[in-house]
Amino acid sequence: MTTATLPVSSASLKSTSVSPVVSDREWNAHILSQLAAGKLTQEQALAQLKTAPKSNGGPLSCKQSEKGGVSVYGLQRMPVTLYAEQWERLLGFADTIREFIKDHPALARKQRS
């Protein structure tokens, strides 16, 4: 997961001495709140938003679903849920998927950030 750090003041925007690690969404909300509060100009806010690191969806985690499936969180907005047998089948097919993505870069495009 790619994260950013929140500046402790508008003066620290030019430095790297900052406070806790946060997600992309929290970083964007912080920058927009700084803009709304008048602590940043529109140009400064745009520069901060453009230079913020982009995550690849965050950390992955697994949970058992109510119906007994295995749900993977962190790939997309909603969890991906399959039964154990389906996960085993998909994981056994992983090399084929990797090869397909490698051979078809125009079809298997990267997600927009």
C-alpha atoms as a PDB file:
ATOM      1  CA  MET A   1       0.000   0.000   0.000  1.00  0.00           C
ATOM      2  CA  THR A   2       1.310   3.394  -0.888  1.00  0.00           C
ATOM      3  CA  THR A   3       0.719   6.008   1.760  1.00  0.00           C
ATOM      4  CA  ALA A   4       1.404   9.657   2.263  1.00  0.00           C
ATOM      5  CA  THR A   5       2.090  11.744   5.323  1.00  0.00           C
ATOM      6  CA  LEU A   6       0.138  14.737   6.514  1.00  0.00           C
ATOM      7  CA  PRO A   7       1.958  18.029   6.933  1.00  0.00           C
ATOM      8  CA  VAL A   8       1.655  19.480  10.422  1.00  0.00           C
ATOM      9  CA  SER A   9       1.321  23.004   9.066  1.00  0.00           C
ATOM     10  CA  SER A  10       1.129  24.778   5.744  1.00  0.00           C
ATOM     11  CA  ALA A  11       4.758  25.818   6.231  1.00  0.00           C
ATOM     12  CA  SER A  12       5.779  22.164   6.383  1.00  0.00           C
ATOM     13  CA  LEU A  13       4.375  21.506   2.895  1.00  0.00           C
ATOM     14  CA  LYS A  14       7.814  22.341   1.565  1.00  0.00           C
ATOM     15  CA  SER A  15       9.571  20.005   4.001  1.00  0.00           C
ATOM     16  CA  THR A  16       9.347  16.316   4.721  1.00  0.00           C
ATOM     17  CA  SER A  17       8.988  16.551   8.510  1.00  0.00           C
ATOM     18  CA  VAL A  18       5.437  15.419   8.879  1.00  0.00           C
ATOM     19  CA  SER A  19       3.019  13.472  11.019  1.00  0.00           C
ATOM     20  CA  PRO A  20       1.241  10.090  10.744  1.00  0.00           C
ATOM     21  CA  VAL A  21       1.029   7.884   7.681  1.00  0.00           C
ATOM     22  CA  VAL A  22      -2.388   8.045   5.998  1.00  0.00           C
ATOM     23  CA  SER A  23      -4.243   6.556   3.043  1.00  0.00           C
ATOM     24  CA  ASP A  24      -4.664   8.261  -0.326  1.00  0.00           C
ATOM     25  CA  ARG A  25      -8.261   9.168   0.513  1.00  0.00           C
ATOM     26  CA  GLU A  26      -7.235  10.749   3.829  1.00  0.00           C
ATOM     27  CA  TRP A  27      -4.412  12.630   2.105  1.00  0.00           C
ATOM     28  CA  ASN A  28      -6.763  14.028  -0.544  1.00  0.00           C
ATOM     29  CA  ALA A  29      -9.335  15.007   2.104  1.00  0.00           C
ATOM     30  CA  HIS A  30      -6.623  16.760   4.117  1.00  0.00           C
ATOM     31  CA  ILE A  31      -5.389  18.741   1.119  1.00  0.00           C
ATOM     32  CA  LEU A  32      -8.947  19.755   0.195  1.00  0.00           C
ATOM     33  CA  SER A  33      -9.694  20.802   3.785  1.00  0.00           C
ATOM     34  CA  GLN A  34      -6.506  22.909   3.800  1.00  0.00           C
ATOM     35  CA  LEU A  35      -7.703  24.562   0.576  1.00  0.00           C
ATOM     36  CA  ALA A  36     -11.168  25.209   2.026  1.00  0.00           C
ATOM     37  CA  ALA A  37      -9.621  26.716   5.161  1.00  0.00           C
ATOM     38  CA  GLY A  38      -7.552  29.086   3.037  1.00  0.00           C
ATOM     39  CA  LYS A  39      -4.242  27.606   4.178  1.00  0.00           C
ATOM     40  CA  LEU A  40      -3.330  26.628   0.608  1.00  0.00           C
ATOM     41  CA  THR A  41      -3.844  28.331  -2.711  1.00  0.00           C
ATOM     42  CA  GLN A  42      -5.530  26.412  -5.491  1.00  0.00           C
ATOM     43  CA  GLU A  43      -2.175  26.011  -7.232  1.00  0.00           C
ATOM     44  CA  GLN A  44      -0.532  24.630  -4.072  1.00  0.00           C
ATOM     45  CA  ALA A  45      -3.399  22.186  -3.518  1.00  0.00           C
ATOM     46  CA  LEU A  46      -3.247  20.947  -7.122  1.00  0.00           C
ATOM     47  CA  ALA A  47       0.510  20.486  -6.842  1.00  0.00           C
ATOM     48  CA  GLN A  48       0.112  18.500  -3.630  1.00  0.00           C
ATOM     49  CA  LEU A  49      -2.637  16.316  -5.121  1.00  0.00           C
ATOM     50  CA  LYS A  50      -0.576  15.632  -8.255  1.00  0.00           C
ATOM     51  CA  THR A  51       2.567  14.706  -6.353  1.00  0.00           C
ATOM     52  CA  ALA A  52       0.875  12.511  -3.739  1.00  0.00           C
ATOM     53  CA  PRO A  53       1.806   8.845  -4.127  1.00  0.00           C
ATOM     54  CA  LYS A  54      -0.893   6.623  -5.610  1.00  0.00           C
ATOM     55  CA  SER A  55      -1.772   3.358  -3.947  1.00  0.00           C
ATOM     56  CA  ASN A  56      -2.563   0.092  -5.620  1.00  0.00           C
ATOM     57  CA  GLY A  57      -5.685  -0.436  -3.540  1.00  0.00           C
ATOM     58  CA  GLY A  58      -4.316  -0.852  -0.079  1.00  0.00           C
ATOM     59  CA  PRO A  59      -3.417  -3.881   2.001  1.00  0.00           C
ATOM     60  CA  LEU A  60      -5.129  -7.150   1.249  1.00  0.00           C
ATOM     61  CA  SER A  61      -6.968  -9.106   3.925  1.00  0.00           C
ATOM     62  CA  CYS A  62      -9.177 -12.189   4.111  1.00  0.00           C
ATOM     63  CA  LYS A  63     -12.338 -12.865   6.077  1.00  0.00           C
ATOM     64  CA  GLN A  64     -14.844 -15.692   6.110  1.00  0.00           C
ATOM     65  CA  SER A  65     -18.169 -14.588   4.656  1.00  0.00           C
ATOM     66  CA  GLU A  66     -21.527 -15.289   6.303  1.00  0.00           C
ATOM     67  CA  LYS A  67     -22.197 -18.058   3.778  1.00  0.00           C
ATOM     68  CA  GLY A  68     -18.813 -19.753   4.246  1.00  0.00           C
ATOM     69  CA  GLY A  69     -16.882 -18.217   1.386  1.00  0.00           C
ATOM     70  CA  VAL A  70     -13.511 -16.522   1.615  1.00  0.00           C
ATOM     71  CA  SER A  71     -13.668 -12.779   1.000  1.00  0.00           C
ATOM     72  CA  VAL A  72     -10.566 -10.832  -0.062  1.00  0.00           C
ATOM     73  CA  TYR A  73     -10.674  -7.142   0.818  1.00  0.00           C
ATOM     74  CA  GLY A  74      -8.475  -4.423  -0.689  1.00  0.00           C
ATOM     75  CA  LEU A  75      -8.545  -5.294  -4.396  1.00  0.00           C
ATOM     76  CA  GLN A  76     -11.460  -3.041  -5.233  1.00  0.00           C
ATOM     77  CA  ARG A  77     -14.320  -1.198  -3.551  1.00  0.00           C
ATOM     78  CA  MET A  78     -16.239  -4.398  -2.767  1.00  0.00           C
ATOM     79  CA  PRO A  79     -14.679  -7.644  -1.517  1.00  0.00           C
ATOM     80  CA  VAL A  80     -14.038 -10.525  -3.906  1.00  0.00           C
ATOM     81  CA  THR A  81     -15.746 -13.596  -2.439  1.00  0.00           C
ATOM     82  CA  LEU A  82     -15.321 -17.191  -3.621  1.00  0.00           C
ATOM     83  CA  TYR A  83     -15.637 -20.578  -1.949  1.00  0.00           C
ATOM     84  CA  ALA A  84     -12.394 -22.363  -1.005  1.00  0.00           C
ATOM     85  CA  GLU A  85     -12.594 -24.710  -4.031  1.00  0.00           C
ATOM     86  CA  GLN A  86     -12.981 -21.729  -6.357  1.00  0.00           C
ATOM     87  CA  TRP A  87      -9.964 -19.980  -4.796  1.00  0.00           C
ATOM     88  CA  GLU A  88      -7.880 -23.147  -5.204  1.00  0.00           C
ATOM     89  CA  ARG A  89      -8.886 -23.395  -8.858  1.00  0.00           C
ATOM     90  CA  LEU A  90      -8.162 -19.698  -9.487  1.00  0.00           C
ATOM     91  CA  LEU A  91      -4.800 -19.824  -7.696  1.00  0.00           C
ATOM     92  CA  GLY A  92      -3.829 -22.845  -9.809  1.00  0.00           C
ATOM     93  CA  PHE A  93      -4.621 -20.744 -12.894  1.00  0.00           C
ATOM     94  CA  ALA A  94      -2.471 -17.786 -11.729  1.00  0.00           C
ATOM     95  CA  ASP A  95       0.466 -18.480 -14.077  1.00  0.00           C
ATOM     96  CA  THR A  96      -1.911 -18.535 -17.063  1.00  0.00           C
ATOM     97  CA  ILE A  97      -3.386 -15.186 -16.011  1.00  0.00           C
ATOM     98  CA  ARG A  98       0.093 -13.650 -15.620  1.00  0.00           C
ATOM     99  CA  GLU A  99       1.092 -14.930 -19.066  1.00  0.00           C
ATOM    100  CA  PHE A 100      -2.112 -13.563 -20.621  1.00  0.00           C
ATOM    101  CA  ILE A 101      -1.507 -10.108 -19.109  1.00  0.00           C
ATOM    102  CA  LYS A 102       2.088 -10.170 -20.348  1.00  0.00           C
ATOM    103  CA  ASP A 103       1.038 -11.216 -23.883  1.00  0.00           C
ATOM    104  CA  HIS A 104      -1.903  -8.776 -24.167  1.00  0.00           C
ATOM    105  CA  PRO A 105      -0.811  -5.476 -22.604  1.00  0.00           C
ATOM    106  CA  ALA A 106      -3.288  -3.402 -24.622  1.00  0.00           C
ATOM    107  CA  LEU A 107      -6.241  -5.566 -23.569  1.00  0.00           C
ATOM    108  CA  ALA A 108      -5.177  -6.039 -19.946  1.00  0.00           C
ATOM    109  CA  ARG A 109      -4.645  -2.369 -19.118  1.00  0.00           C
ATOM    110  CA  LYS A 110      -3.727  -1.068 -15.704  1.00  0.00           C
ATOM    111  CA  GLN A 111      -6.377   0.461 -13.477  1.00  0.00           C
ATOM    112  CA  ARG A 112      -6.504   4.260 -13.464  1.00  0.00           C
ATOM    113  CA  SER A 113      -5.375   5.892 -10.225  1.00  0.00           C
END
